[in-house]
Every structure is written in C-alpha cells, then in structure tokens.
Amino acid sequence: MPMQESPAAVAQSTNNDPVSAVSIATTARLHFGFFDPSGKSSKPFGSFGLSLSEPWTRLTLRHASKNAVHGTEAERAARYLDTIRKAHGIEQAYSLDIESAIPSHAGLGSGTQLALAVGTAFGILEGLDLSPSKIAALLERGTRSGIGIASFALGGAILDSGPREATLPQLVARAPFPEPWRTLLIFDPEAKGLDGADELAAFETLPAYSEDERAELEARIVGRALPALETGNFGAFCDEVGHLQARMGAYFAPLQGGVFTSRRVAGVVAALRAAGARGLGQSSWGPTGFAFAETEADGLRLLDVASKADRTGTLRFVLTRGRNSGAEITCHSA
C-alpha cells in the first residue's frame, strides 16, 4: 500500500508565497510488537502499532546567519539537520527551535519522529521533494519497523511489512482508531528502554522465531485486530493486542529483566488487569506501559486505579487517544 503524498509536498502546494520558516508538530506512537521479533525468518520483523494524540514533538526551522539549535533533544536534532544538509550539498545555516519533544528512550518512537520532523521542515524550506520514507532512509530510521514512518505520514493503527530486499518496511494496512476509545500511558522517568548499540547487540543474541508462530501472529492481526478496529469491537481488538504483547513479553524477557522493563510499570499493569483493564502491554522496549479503555469514563476510572497503584509516586500517567492523521505542518511566509 503506497504512502500518501509527501507532507512536505502537500504543505508547499498550499502557499505560493516564499517560505521563511517551517513548523512541524508530530506525535508519539505505540509499538505493539513484531510478528518475527528475531528478524531471522523468511519475512523478518513486520509490526503493528498505533499513532497517539500525545505526547508531541514540536519544532520550527528557518534560515539563519549561523547554525543554532535550541531546546530539548538539541544535540540529536542538530546531527539530523547536519546529515541531511550535507547529503544535499547545501551550505546554508539554520536556526532550529525545539519547543517540545517526545520523551526519549521510552518506547514511543521519539528518534524517528524528531528525524522526520527535521527532514520534512528542511525539505519544505529548500523546495525539495522529501517524503517521510526518503528522510528515514537518509537518517537511518525505521530499518526494522515502519510504524513511525507511517504514523508521521498518516496516523491511525498501522501494519507494516518489515524490511524487504534491503528496503525500508512498507505500509501493508491502516485502520482509523475509534474516537471514543482511550489509551492510558504509564511513564517511568527513572527507567530506560534499550536503544542504539545496546539494542543492536540484543537483536544479535536473540534465537530465531518460529515461522509458524510468525504466520499465526500476522494472521491474527490481519484477520481479527484490524477488522475489530473497523467495526468498533473493543474486546476483540484488546484480545489481539494482549496476545501479541504476551508473545513479545515472553520472547524479550531475558533481555529486559522480565516481561516489562520497569518493575514499577509492571506493578501498575497488574493492578489495572485486576481492575478489569484490557489490551495491556509495553510499547517497544519500554519502559512505557499502556492500557485501553472503551470510553472516556472508563479511562478516567483506570487512571484512578493506576494512580493509587503507584506506591512510589515516581510514575506519570496520561490518558490520551489514537491519532488518525499525520504530522501538522505550518509554513510561515516572510
């Protein structure tokens, strides 16, 4: 399934005036799991995830007399900007202001969203046709999972192919997330998921995943989870996410010290499960946990349960929604 037109191209086409600055706002995503988490089967990886309505990465890029990057995640953003600028042979200096950033090392895809936001702003400012996939390839994002790329472009619940023949994962299917449903996010600021070299090393040590198990996981998401989203069948969707999460938790447990990276998050998840919550899990390597609620009222109930279950007072909770559209792009005229 092809991605929609590049967000950069869409934004440029709406304004014929010279663009002096570009603002991008993009949100986090949940990664529910891989069909082949080892990446060693005939169809490596392949994943299922969801774009969220928060937290956000917001930034503005403009031409400047000298390079300057301000705000949270400034060092990483500066590297992305420098890489993409040099790749296009452009000597122009830029000012990049980062108003907010998705928490890093939390399993919410912060690096990919930051890279795509910087690359998209750069493409618009310089009049280049840079799609999210082109930017991701250039900045080495999305090599195993295409959830972040598709969520930046389209939003919604996303199924990707996994990498094929040295190409980035492609969008296989997308479904809108029902508006009444809510997602409770469980943050542990004192824990951190695997990333970078540690993540690469972890994948190298993992045993091969069964071809039959891979096929079964994919069939359940395609045949049950996606149709449940289309029909608003909350229970069926939660059952399939829960099943995928249980498989991922068992597989990755030796590398992350248990089914959950954070014991504090695990304790809250157990309390939520006892209170009847469904669709529980951990996004990517964590530590961020999640639970689904069918209504706002039930979400607030779960938020109360989670808050009372946090014995340490160190966790943070956010009741959010799925997001069914891609990044917000604003072009500022001189």
C-alpha atoms as a PDB file:
ATOM      1  CA  MET A   1       0.000   0.000   0.000  1.00  0.00           C
ATOM      2  CA  PRO A   2       1.611   3.313  -1.032  1.00  0.00           C
ATOM      3  CA  MET A   3       2.024   6.170   1.405  1.00  0.00           C
ATOM      4  CA  GLN A   4       0.108   9.369   0.746  1.00  0.00           C
ATOM      5  CA  GLU A   5       1.849  12.290  -0.953  1.00  0.00           C
ATOM      6  CA  SER A   6       4.795  13.658   0.974  1.00  0.00           C
ATOM      7  CA  PRO A   7       3.644  16.001   3.768  1.00  0.00           C
ATOM      8  CA  ALA A   8       6.288  18.440   2.549  1.00  0.00           C
ATOM      9  CA  ALA A   9       4.785  18.470  -0.925  1.00  0.00           C
ATOM     10  CA  VAL A  10       1.291  18.957   0.469  1.00  0.00           C
ATOM     11  CA  ALA A  11       2.407  21.861   2.644  1.00  0.00           C
ATOM     12  CA  GLN A  12       4.264  23.589  -0.172  1.00  0.00           C
ATOM     13  CA  SER A  13       1.316  23.363  -2.514  1.00  0.00           C
ATOM     14  CA  THR A  14      -0.948  25.325  -0.126  1.00  0.00           C
ATOM     15  CA  ASN A  15       1.075  28.529  -0.162  1.00  0.00           C
ATOM     16  CA  ASN A  16       2.700  30.235  -3.142  1.00  0.00           C
ATOM     17  CA  ASP A  17       4.463  32.869  -1.015  1.00  0.00           C
ATOM     18  CA  PRO A  18       8.146  32.407  -0.176  1.00  0.00           C
ATOM     19  CA  VAL A  19       8.565  30.231   2.906  1.00  0.00           C
ATOM     20  CA  SER A  20      10.685  31.810   5.632  1.00  0.00           C
ATOM     21  CA  ALA A  21      10.159  29.177   8.338  1.00  0.00           C
ATOM     22  CA  VAL A  22       8.516  25.782   8.750  1.00  0.00           C
ATOM     23  CA  SER A  23       6.904  24.411  11.905  1.00  0.00           C
ATOM     24  CA  ILE A  24       6.273  20.698  12.371  1.00  0.00           C
ATOM     25  CA  ALA A  25       4.242  19.021  15.101  1.00  0.00           C
ATOM     26  CA  THR A  26       4.190  15.241  15.331  1.00  0.00           C
ATOM     27  CA  THR A  27       3.158  12.750  17.976  1.00  0.00           C
ATOM     28  CA  ALA A  28       4.331   9.558  19.659  1.00  0.00           C
ATOM     29  CA  ARG A  29       3.374   6.046  18.648  1.00  0.00           C
ATOM     30  CA  LEU A  30       2.823   2.752  20.419  1.00  0.00           C
ATOM     31  CA  HIS A  31       4.637  -0.296  19.060  1.00  0.00           C
ATOM     32  CA  PHE A  32       2.633  -3.408  19.935  1.00  0.00           C
ATOM     33  CA  GLY A  33       5.152  -5.935  18.645  1.00  0.00           C
ATOM     34  CA  PHE A  34       6.760  -7.797  15.755  1.00  0.00           C
ATOM     35  CA  PHE A  35       5.472 -10.893  14.003  1.00  0.00           C
ATOM     36  CA  ASP A  36       9.065 -12.129  13.814  1.00  0.00           C
ATOM     37  CA  PRO A  37      10.916 -10.344  16.626  1.00  0.00           C
ATOM     38  CA  SER A  38      14.171 -12.122  15.780  1.00  0.00           C
ATOM     39  CA  GLY A  39      14.299 -10.807  12.215  1.00  0.00           C
ATOM     40  CA  LYS A  40      15.619 -14.188  11.073  1.00  0.00           C
ATOM     41  CA  SER A  41      12.595 -15.730   9.336  1.00  0.00           C
ATOM     42  CA  SER A  42      11.645 -15.608   5.644  1.00  0.00           C
ATOM     43  CA  LYS A  43       9.606 -12.493   6.498  1.00  0.00           C
ATOM     44  CA  PRO A  44      11.681 -10.650   9.112  1.00  0.00           C
ATOM     45  CA  PHE A  45      10.016  -8.360  11.623  1.00  0.00           C
ATOM     46  CA  GLY A  46       6.685  -6.944  10.370  1.00  0.00           C
ATOM     47  CA  SER A  47       4.921  -4.951  13.062  1.00  0.00           C
ATOM     48  CA  PHE A  48       1.696  -3.471  14.398  1.00  0.00           C
ATOM     49  CA  GLY A  49       1.323  -0.116  16.152  1.00  0.00           C
ATOM     50  CA  LEU A  50      -0.743   2.986  16.787  1.00  0.00           C
ATOM     51  CA  SER A  51      -0.275   6.733  16.401  1.00  0.00           C
ATOM     52  CA  LEU A  52      -1.166   8.661  19.587  1.00  0.00           C
ATOM     53  CA  SER A  53      -2.626  12.112  20.135  1.00  0.00           C
ATOM     54  CA  GLU A  54       0.221  12.929  22.566  1.00  0.00           C
ATOM     55  CA  PRO A  55       2.984  13.480  23.628  1.00  0.00           C
ATOM     56  CA  TRP A  56       4.236  15.823  20.900  1.00  0.00           C
ATOM     57  CA  THR A  57       7.449  16.872  19.215  1.00  0.00           C
ATOM     58  CA  ARG A  58       7.151  20.483  18.015  1.00  0.00           C
ATOM     59  CA  LEU A  59       9.874  22.393  16.198  1.00  0.00           C
ATOM     60  CA  THR A  60      10.481  25.316  13.819  1.00  0.00           C
ATOM     61  CA  LEU A  61      13.277  25.582  11.240  1.00  0.00           C
ATOM     62  CA  ARG A  62      14.363  28.771   9.471  1.00  0.00           C
ATOM     63  CA  HIS A  63      17.369  30.116   7.565  1.00  0.00           C
ATOM     64  CA  ALA A  64      19.920  31.954   9.694  1.00  0.00           C
ATOM     65  CA  SER A  65      23.313  33.641   9.517  1.00  0.00           C
ATOM     66  CA  LYS A  66      24.845  30.914  11.701  1.00  0.00           C
ATOM     67  CA  ASN A  67      23.768  27.460  12.842  1.00  0.00           C
ATOM     68  CA  ALA A  68      21.902  27.317  16.128  1.00  0.00           C
ATOM     69  CA  VAL A  69      19.732  24.598  17.675  1.00  0.00           C
ATOM     70  CA  HIS A  70      17.783  25.309  20.854  1.00  0.00           C
ATOM     71  CA  GLY A  71      15.561  23.205  23.083  1.00  0.00           C
ATOM     72  CA  THR A  72      15.239  19.634  24.292  1.00  0.00           C
ATOM     73  CA  GLU A  73      16.928  16.942  22.170  1.00  0.00           C
ATOM     74  CA  ALA A  74      19.008  19.715  20.554  1.00  0.00           C
ATOM     75  CA  GLU A  75      22.133  17.584  20.082  1.00  0.00           C
ATOM     76  CA  ARG A  76      20.328  14.772  18.283  1.00  0.00           C
ATOM     77  CA  ALA A  77      18.302  17.209  16.163  1.00  0.00           C
ATOM     78  CA  ALA A  78      21.486  19.044  15.172  1.00  0.00           C
ATOM     79  CA  ARG A  79      23.007  15.770  13.944  1.00  0.00           C
ATOM     80  CA  TYR A  80      19.943  15.015  11.835  1.00  0.00           C
ATOM     81  CA  LEU A  81      19.952  18.503  10.335  1.00  0.00           C
ATOM     82  CA  ASP A  82      23.671  18.397   9.580  1.00  0.00           C
ATOM     83  CA  THR A  83      23.411  14.967   7.931  1.00  0.00           C
ATOM     84  CA  ILE A  84      20.540  15.916   5.660  1.00  0.00           C
ATOM     85  CA  ARG A  85      22.059  19.292   4.793  1.00  0.00           C
ATOM     86  CA  LYS A  86      25.384  17.722   3.778  1.00  0.00           C
ATOM     87  CA  ALA A  87      23.606  14.983   1.794  1.00  0.00           C
ATOM     88  CA  HIS A  88      22.094  17.683  -0.418  1.00  0.00           C
ATOM     89  CA  GLY A  89      25.265  19.771  -0.675  1.00  0.00           C
ATOM     90  CA  ILE A  90      23.705  22.825   0.957  1.00  0.00           C
ATOM     91  CA  GLU A  91      25.937  25.243   2.865  1.00  0.00           C
ATOM     92  CA  GLN A  92      23.100  27.368   4.255  1.00  0.00           C
ATOM     93  CA  ALA A  93      22.992  27.924   8.026  1.00  0.00           C
ATOM     94  CA  TYR A  94      19.804  27.270  10.005  1.00  0.00           C
ATOM     95  CA  SER A  95      18.113  28.102  13.256  1.00  0.00           C
ATOM     96  CA  LEU A  96      16.184  25.175  14.734  1.00  0.00           C
ATOM     97  CA  ASP A  97      13.977  25.728  17.762  1.00  0.00           C
ATOM     98  CA  ILE A  98      12.531  22.655  19.506  1.00  0.00           C
ATOM     99  CA  GLU A  99       9.559  23.631  21.627  1.00  0.00           C
ATOM    100  CA  SER A 100       8.877  20.120  22.942  1.00  0.00           C
ATOM    101  CA  ALA A 101       9.984  16.558  22.293  1.00  0.00           C
ATOM    102  CA  ILE A 102       8.541  13.098  22.837  1.00  0.00           C
ATOM    103  CA  PRO A 103      10.366  11.503  25.819  1.00  0.00           C
ATOM    104  CA  SER A 104      13.456   9.648  24.603  1.00  0.00           C
ATOM    105  CA  HIS A 105      14.279   6.004  25.432  1.00  0.00           C
ATOM    106  CA  ALA A 106      10.652   5.466  26.438  1.00  0.00           C
ATOM    107  CA  GLY A 107       9.485   3.161  23.631  1.00  0.00           C
ATOM    108  CA  LEU A 108       7.457   5.889  21.913  1.00  0.00           C
ATOM    109  CA  GLY A 109       9.485   6.387  18.721  1.00  0.00           C
ATOM    110  CA  SER A 110      10.966   9.756  19.681  1.00  0.00           C
ATOM    111  CA  GLY A 111      14.036   9.492  17.447  1.00  0.00           C
ATOM    112  CA  THR A 112      12.118   8.692  14.279  1.00  0.00           C
ATOM    113  CA  GLN A 113       9.585  11.483  14.838  1.00  0.00           C
ATOM    114  CA  LEU A 114      12.355  14.002  15.510  1.00  0.00           C
ATOM    115  CA  ALA A 115      14.254  12.903  12.391  1.00  0.00           C
ATOM    116  CA  LEU A 116      11.164  13.082  10.182  1.00  0.00           C
ATOM    117  CA  ALA A 117      10.175  16.464  11.587  1.00  0.00           C
ATOM    118  CA  VAL A 118      13.637  17.934  10.968  1.00  0.00           C
ATOM    119  CA  GLY A 119      13.870  16.379   7.497  1.00  0.00           C
ATOM    120  CA  THR A 120      10.401  17.482   6.453  1.00  0.00           C
ATOM    121  CA  ALA A 121      10.999  21.054   7.595  1.00  0.00           C
ATOM    122  CA  PHE A 122      14.312  21.088   5.734  1.00  0.00           C
ATOM    123  CA  GLY A 123      12.707  19.733   2.552  1.00  0.00           C
ATOM    124  CA  ILE A 124       9.990  22.395   2.518  1.00  0.00           C
ATOM    125  CA  LEU A 125      12.375  25.224   3.315  1.00  0.00           C
ATOM    126  CA  GLU A 126      14.697  24.195   0.479  1.00  0.00           C
ATOM    127  CA  GLY A 127      11.964  23.238  -2.013  1.00  0.00           C
ATOM    128  CA  LEU A 128      12.956  19.560  -2.082  1.00  0.00           C
ATOM    129  CA  ASP A 129      10.618  16.594  -2.552  1.00  0.00           C
ATOM    130  CA  LEU A 130      11.478  14.637   0.572  1.00  0.00           C
ATOM    131  CA  SER A 131       8.921  12.025   1.589  1.00  0.00           C
ATOM    132  CA  PRO A 132       8.990  10.513   5.084  1.00  0.00           C
ATOM    133  CA  SER A 133      10.441   7.305   3.623  1.00  0.00           C
ATOM    134  CA  LYS A 134      13.260   9.191   1.884  1.00  0.00           C
ATOM    135  CA  ILE A 135      14.092  11.072   5.060  1.00  0.00           C
ATOM    136  CA  ALA A 136      14.029   7.892   7.146  1.00  0.00           C
ATOM    137  CA  ALA A 137      16.397   6.125   4.756  1.00  0.00           C
ATOM    138  CA  LEU A 138      18.811   9.050   4.754  1.00  0.00           C
ATOM    139  CA  LEU A 139      18.807   9.392   8.544  1.00  0.00           C
ATOM    140  CA  GLU A 140      18.821   5.615   9.175  1.00  0.00           C
ATOM    141  CA  ARG A 141      15.456   5.445  10.899  1.00  0.00           C
ATOM    142  CA  GLY A 142      12.784   2.767  10.546  1.00  0.00           C
ATOM    143  CA  THR A 143      15.113  -0.016   9.452  1.00  0.00           C
ATOM    144  CA  ARG A 144      13.160  -2.701  11.367  1.00  0.00           C
ATOM    145  CA  SER A 145       9.726  -1.130  11.834  1.00  0.00           C
ATOM    146  CA  GLY A 146       7.786   1.251   9.602  1.00  0.00           C
ATOM    147  CA  ILE A 147       5.249   2.224  12.274  1.00  0.00           C
ATOM    148  CA  GLY A 148       6.886   5.586  12.986  1.00  0.00           C
ATOM    149  CA  ILE A 149       7.188   6.491   9.304  1.00  0.00           C
ATOM    150  CA  ALA A 150       3.553   5.662   8.573  1.00  0.00           C
ATOM    151  CA  SER A 151       2.285   7.372  11.726  1.00  0.00           C
ATOM    152  CA  PHE A 152       4.106  10.570  10.727  1.00  0.00           C
ATOM    153  CA  ALA A 153       2.524  10.450   7.276  1.00  0.00           C
ATOM    154  CA  LEU A 154      -0.938   9.085   8.035  1.00  0.00           C
ATOM    155  CA  GLY A 155      -1.687   8.379  11.694  1.00  0.00           C
ATOM    156  CA  GLY A 156      -4.038   5.574  12.727  1.00  0.00           C
ATOM    157  CA  ALA A 157      -3.357   1.937  13.554  1.00  0.00           C
ATOM    158  CA  ILE A 158      -0.662   0.620  11.250  1.00  0.00           C
ATOM    159  CA  LEU A 159       0.582  -2.742   9.984  1.00  0.00           C
ATOM    160  CA  ASP A 160       3.910  -2.807   8.136  1.00  0.00           C
ATOM    161  CA  SER A 161       5.692  -5.424   6.047  1.00  0.00           C
ATOM    162  CA  GLY A 162       9.055  -5.434   7.749  1.00  0.00           C
ATOM    163  CA  PRO A 163      12.162  -4.747   5.628  1.00  0.00           C
ATOM    164  CA  ARG A 164      12.267  -6.482   2.258  1.00  0.00           C
ATOM    165  CA  GLU A 165      15.268  -6.811  -0.076  1.00  0.00           C
ATOM    166  CA  ALA A 166      17.241  -4.024   1.601  1.00  0.00           C
ATOM    167  CA  THR A 167      14.301  -1.602   1.507  1.00  0.00           C
ATOM    168  CA  LEU A 168      12.538   0.010   4.445  1.00  0.00           C
ATOM    169  CA  PRO A 169       9.313  -1.562   5.724  1.00  0.00           C
ATOM    170  CA  GLN A 170       6.241  -0.709   3.666  1.00  0.00           C
ATOM    171  CA  LEU A 171       2.722   0.082   4.811  1.00  0.00           C
ATOM    172  CA  VAL A 172       0.540  -3.031   4.481  1.00  0.00           C
ATOM    173  CA  ALA A 173      -2.680  -1.837   6.112  1.00  0.00           C
ATOM    174  CA  ARG A 174      -4.044   1.076   8.089  1.00  0.00           C
ATOM    175  CA  ALA A 175      -7.250   1.494  10.112  1.00  0.00           C
ATOM    176  CA  PRO A 176      -8.589   4.517  11.981  1.00  0.00           C
ATOM    177  CA  PHE A 177      -8.663   4.228  15.763  1.00  0.00           C
ATOM    178  CA  PRO A 178     -12.233   4.625  17.113  1.00  0.00           C
ATOM    179  CA  GLU A 179     -12.772   8.118  18.519  1.00  0.00           C
ATOM    180  CA  PRO A 180     -14.423   7.058  21.817  1.00  0.00           C
ATOM    181  CA  TRP A 181     -11.604   4.698  22.798  1.00  0.00           C
ATOM    182  CA  ARG A 182      -8.821   5.907  25.079  1.00  0.00           C
ATOM    183  CA  THR A 183      -5.256   4.874  25.814  1.00  0.00           C
ATOM    184  CA  LEU A 184      -3.739   5.148  29.262  1.00  0.00           C
ATOM    185  CA  LEU A 185       0.026   5.682  29.129  1.00  0.00           C
ATOM    186  CA  ILE A 186       2.203   4.711  32.098  1.00  0.00           C
ATOM    187  CA  PHE A 187       5.540   6.537  32.180  1.00  0.00           C
ATOM    188  CA  ASP A 188       8.519   5.651  34.357  1.00  0.00           C
ATOM    189  CA  PRO A 189      11.026   8.550  34.185  1.00  0.00           C
ATOM    190  CA  GLU A 190      13.554   6.538  36.183  1.00  0.00           C
ATOM    191  CA  ALA A 191      13.758   3.619  33.715  1.00  0.00           C
ATOM    192  CA  LYS A 192      15.006   3.395  30.155  1.00  0.00           C
ATOM    193  CA  GLY A 193      14.458   1.002  27.262  1.00  0.00           C
ATOM    194  CA  LEU A 194      17.209  -0.428  25.084  1.00  0.00           C
ATOM    195  CA  ASP A 195      18.421   1.718  22.196  1.00  0.00           C
ATOM    196  CA  GLY A 196      21.358   2.266  19.872  1.00  0.00           C
ATOM    197  CA  ALA A 197      24.254  -0.163  20.207  1.00  0.00           C
ATOM    198  CA  ASP A 198      22.608  -1.996  23.106  1.00  0.00           C
ATOM    199  CA  GLU A 199      19.507  -2.631  21.012  1.00  0.00           C
ATOM    200  CA  LEU A 200      21.558  -3.893  18.064  1.00  0.00           C
ATOM    201  CA  ALA A 201      23.521  -6.216  20.340  1.00  0.00           C
ATOM    202  CA  ALA A 202      20.297  -7.532  21.855  1.00  0.00           C
ATOM    203  CA  PHE A 203      18.862  -8.472  18.466  1.00  0.00           C
ATOM    204  CA  GLU A 204      22.082 -10.320  17.627  1.00  0.00           C
ATOM    205  CA  THR A 205      21.679 -12.588  20.660  1.00  0.00           C
ATOM    206  CA  LEU A 206      18.014 -13.487  20.103  1.00  0.00           C
ATOM    207  CA  PRO A 207      17.124 -17.002  18.893  1.00  0.00           C
ATOM    208  CA  ALA A 208      15.282 -17.472  15.604  1.00  0.00           C
ATOM    209  CA  TYR A 209      11.497 -17.195  15.807  1.00  0.00           C
ATOM    210  CA  SER A 210       9.257 -19.961  14.530  1.00  0.00           C
ATOM    211  CA  GLU A 211       7.894 -19.482  11.005  1.00  0.00           C
ATOM    212  CA  ASP A 212       4.576 -20.906  12.165  1.00  0.00           C
ATOM    213  CA  GLU A 213       4.380 -18.523  15.124  1.00  0.00           C
ATOM    214  CA  ARG A 214       5.205 -15.573  12.882  1.00  0.00           C
ATOM    215  CA  ALA A 215       2.450 -16.522  10.446  1.00  0.00           C
ATOM    216  CA  GLU A 216      -0.034 -17.036  13.281  1.00  0.00           C
ATOM    217  CA  LEU A 217       0.639 -13.609  14.808  1.00  0.00           C
ATOM    218  CA  GLU A 218       0.273 -11.860  11.468  1.00  0.00           C
ATOM    219  CA  ALA A 219      -2.931 -13.745  10.650  1.00  0.00           C
ATOM    220  CA  ARG A 220      -4.488 -12.740  13.963  1.00  0.00           C
ATOM    221  CA  ILE A 221      -3.728  -9.044  13.453  1.00  0.00           C
ATOM    222  CA  VAL A 222      -4.903  -9.050   9.825  1.00  0.00           C
ATOM    223  CA  GLY A 223      -7.918 -11.262  10.416  1.00  0.00           C
ATOM    224  CA  ARG A 224      -9.061 -10.049  13.840  1.00  0.00           C
ATOM    225  CA  ALA A 225      -7.415  -6.871  15.157  1.00  0.00           C
ATOM    226  CA  LEU A 226      -7.795  -4.707  12.046  1.00  0.00           C
ATOM    227  CA  PRO A 227     -11.428  -5.760  11.432  1.00  0.00           C
ATOM    228  CA  ALA A 228     -12.142  -5.077  15.123  1.00  0.00           C
ATOM    229  CA  LEU A 229     -10.964  -1.501  14.637  1.00  0.00           C
ATOM    230  CA  GLU A 230     -13.171  -1.109  11.580  1.00  0.00           C
ATOM    231  CA  THR A 231     -16.260  -2.394  13.394  1.00  0.00           C
ATOM    232  CA  GLY A 232     -15.510  -0.872  16.804  1.00  0.00           C
ATOM    233  CA  ASN A 233     -15.189  -4.249  18.526  1.00  0.00           C
ATOM    234  CA  PHE A 234     -13.212  -3.144  21.560  1.00  0.00           C
ATOM    235  CA  GLY A 235     -12.938  -6.561  23.191  1.00  0.00           C
ATOM    236  CA  ALA A 236     -11.620  -8.312  20.091  1.00  0.00           C
ATOM    237  CA  PHE A 237      -9.033  -5.586  19.466  1.00  0.00           C
ATOM    238  CA  CYS A 238      -7.793  -5.719  23.064  1.00  0.00           C
ATOM    239  CA  ASP A 239      -7.603  -9.517  22.968  1.00  0.00           C
ATOM    240  CA  GLU A 240      -5.345  -9.437  19.903  1.00  0.00           C
ATOM    241  CA  VAL A 241      -3.080  -6.706  21.230  1.00  0.00           C
ATOM    242  CA  GLY A 242      -2.884  -8.591  24.518  1.00  0.00           C
ATOM    243  CA  HIS A 243      -1.978 -11.817  22.715  1.00  0.00           C
ATOM    244  CA  LEU A 244       0.760 -10.140  20.675  1.00  0.00           C
ATOM    245  CA  GLN A 245       2.085  -8.432  23.791  1.00  0.00           C
ATOM    246  CA  ALA A 246       2.193 -11.693  25.725  1.00  0.00           C
ATOM    247  CA  ARG A 247       4.301 -13.267  22.968  1.00  0.00           C
ATOM    248  CA  MET A 248       6.652 -10.286  22.821  1.00  0.00           C
ATOM    249  CA  GLY A 249       6.998 -10.091  26.597  1.00  0.00           C
ATOM    250  CA  ALA A 250       7.945 -13.757  26.872  1.00  0.00           C
ATOM    251  CA  TYR A 251      10.421 -13.530  23.996  1.00  0.00           C
ATOM    252  CA  PHE A 252      12.208 -10.366  25.146  1.00  0.00           C
ATOM    253  CA  ALA A 253      12.075 -11.083  28.906  1.00  0.00           C
ATOM    254  CA  PRO A 254      15.666 -12.411  29.132  1.00  0.00           C
ATOM    255  CA  LEU A 255      16.981  -9.149  27.665  1.00  0.00           C
ATOM    256  CA  GLN A 256      14.889  -6.663  29.636  1.00  0.00           C
ATOM    257  CA  GLY A 257      14.767  -8.344  33.024  1.00  0.00           C
ATOM    258  CA  GLY A 258      11.201  -9.604  32.726  1.00  0.00           C
ATOM    259  CA  VAL A 259       8.059  -9.100  30.688  1.00  0.00           C
ATOM    260  CA  PHE A 260       8.267  -5.363  31.473  1.00  0.00           C
ATOM    261  CA  THR A 261      11.400  -3.228  31.515  1.00  0.00           C
ATOM    262  CA  SER A 262      10.154  -1.358  34.595  1.00  0.00           C
ATOM    263  CA  ARG A 263       9.022  -3.267  37.681  1.00  0.00           C
ATOM    264  CA  ARG A 264       7.072  -0.195  38.751  1.00  0.00           C
ATOM    265  CA  VAL A 265       5.151  -0.180  35.456  1.00  0.00           C
ATOM    266  CA  ALA A 266       4.616  -3.938  35.797  1.00  0.00           C
ATOM    267  CA  GLY A 267       3.050  -3.407  39.225  1.00  0.00           C
ATOM    268  CA  VAL A 268       0.602  -0.837  37.892  1.00  0.00           C
ATOM    269  CA  VAL A 269      -0.274  -3.055  34.922  1.00  0.00           C
ATOM    270  CA  ALA A 270      -1.063  -5.899  37.331  1.00  0.00           C
ATOM    271  CA  ALA A 271      -3.384  -3.601  39.309  1.00  0.00           C
ATOM    272  CA  LEU A 272      -5.091  -2.473  36.095  1.00  0.00           C
ATOM    273  CA  ARG A 273      -5.561  -6.067  34.992  1.00  0.00           C
ATOM    274  CA  ALA A 274      -7.146  -6.906  38.342  1.00  0.00           C
ATOM    275  CA  ALA A 275      -9.475  -3.933  37.854  1.00  0.00           C
ATOM    276  CA  GLY A 276     -10.666  -5.319  34.509  1.00  0.00           C
ATOM    277  CA  ALA A 277      -8.456  -3.352  32.115  1.00  0.00           C
ATOM    278  CA  ARG A 278      -7.817  -4.898  28.704  1.00  0.00           C
ATOM    279  CA  GLY A 279      -5.246  -4.568  25.954  1.00  0.00           C
ATOM    280  CA  LEU A 280      -2.381  -4.141  28.418  1.00  0.00           C
ATOM    281  CA  GLY A 281       1.255  -4.025  27.443  1.00  0.00           C
ATOM    282  CA  GLN A 282       4.554  -2.238  26.943  1.00  0.00           C
ATOM    283  CA  SER A 283       5.454  -0.194  23.884  1.00  0.00           C
ATOM    284  CA  SER A 284       8.607  -1.442  22.148  1.00  0.00           C
ATOM    285  CA  TRP A 285      11.468  -1.843  24.674  1.00  0.00           C
ATOM    286  CA  GLY A 286       9.573   0.317  27.143  1.00  0.00           C
ATOM    287  CA  PRO A 287       9.539   1.379  29.830  1.00  0.00           C
ATOM    288  CA  THR A 288       6.227   2.996  28.830  1.00  0.00           C
ATOM    289  CA  GLY A 289       3.237   0.770  29.532  1.00  0.00           C
ATOM    290  CA  PHE A 290      -0.306   1.141  28.239  1.00  0.00           C
ATOM    291  CA  ALA A 291      -3.900   0.011  28.695  1.00  0.00           C
ATOM    292  CA  PHE A 292      -7.001   0.651  26.596  1.00  0.00           C
ATOM    293  CA  ALA A 293     -10.398   1.928  27.696  1.00  0.00           C
ATOM    294  CA  GLU A 294     -13.613   1.828  25.676  1.00  0.00           C
ATOM    295  CA  THR A 295     -14.841   5.230  26.871  1.00  0.00           C
ATOM    296  CA  GLU A 296     -13.557   8.417  28.473  1.00  0.00           C
ATOM    297  CA  ALA A 297     -15.315   7.494  31.711  1.00  0.00           C
ATOM    298  CA  ASP A 298     -13.660   4.084  31.844  1.00  0.00           C
ATOM    299  CA  GLY A 299     -10.335   5.689  31.006  1.00  0.00           C
ATOM    300  CA  LEU A 300     -10.689   8.039  33.969  1.00  0.00           C
ATOM    301  CA  ARG A 301     -11.514   5.057  36.173  1.00  0.00           C
ATOM    302  CA  LEU A 302      -8.358   3.277  35.052  1.00  0.00           C
ATOM    303  CA  LEU A 303      -6.354   6.450  35.568  1.00  0.00           C
ATOM    304  CA  ASP A 304      -7.556   6.498  39.182  1.00  0.00           C
ATOM    305  CA  VAL A 305      -6.659   2.819  39.638  1.00  0.00           C
ATOM    306  CA  ALA A 306      -3.198   3.380  38.190  1.00  0.00           C
ATOM    307  CA  SER A 307      -2.517   6.445  40.320  1.00  0.00           C
ATOM    308  CA  LYS A 308      -3.430   4.588  43.518  1.00  0.00           C
ATOM    309  CA  ALA A 309      -1.315   1.588  42.500  1.00  0.00           C
ATOM    310  CA  ASP A 310       1.823   3.718  42.147  1.00  0.00           C
ATOM    311  CA  ARG A 311       3.271   3.123  45.603  1.00  0.00           C
ATOM    312  CA  THR A 312       6.483   5.035  44.863  1.00  0.00           C
ATOM    313  CA  GLY A 313       4.906   8.182  43.464  1.00  0.00           C
ATOM    314  CA  THR A 314       7.522   8.210  40.694  1.00  0.00           C
ATOM    315  CA  LEU A 315       5.329   7.232  37.744  1.00  0.00           C
ATOM    316  CA  ARG A 316       3.402   9.567  35.453  1.00  0.00           C
ATOM    317  CA  PHE A 317       0.089   8.831  33.759  1.00  0.00           C
ATOM    318  CA  VAL A 318      -1.542  10.326  30.662  1.00  0.00           C
ATOM    319  CA  LEU A 319      -4.978   9.478  29.310  1.00  0.00           C
ATOM    320  CA  THR A 320      -4.811  10.001  25.566  1.00  0.00           C
ATOM    321  CA  ARG A 321      -6.417   8.953  22.267  1.00  0.00           C
ATOM    322  CA  GLY A 322      -5.371   7.447  18.988  1.00  0.00           C
ATOM    323  CA  ARG A 323      -4.472   9.976  16.288  1.00  0.00           C
ATOM    324  CA  ASN A 324      -5.899   9.393  12.820  1.00  0.00           C
ATOM    325  CA  SER A 325      -3.931  11.987  10.884  1.00  0.00           C
ATOM    326  CA  GLY A 326      -0.294  12.643  10.230  1.00  0.00           C
ATOM    327  CA  ALA A 327       2.058  15.411  11.263  1.00  0.00           C
ATOM    328  CA  GLU A 328       0.878  19.018  11.370  1.00  0.00           C
ATOM    329  CA  ILE A 329       2.869  21.273   9.050  1.00  0.00           C
ATOM    330  CA  THR A 330       2.773  25.077   9.069  1.00  0.00           C
ATOM    331  CA  CYS A 331       4.630  27.212   6.543  1.00  0.00           C
ATOM    332  CA  HIS A 332       5.431  30.785   7.617  1.00  0.00           C
ATOM    333  CA  SER A 333       5.820  33.474   4.956  1.00  0.00           C
ATOM    334  CA  ALA A 334       8.391  36.243   5.062  1.00  0.00           C
END
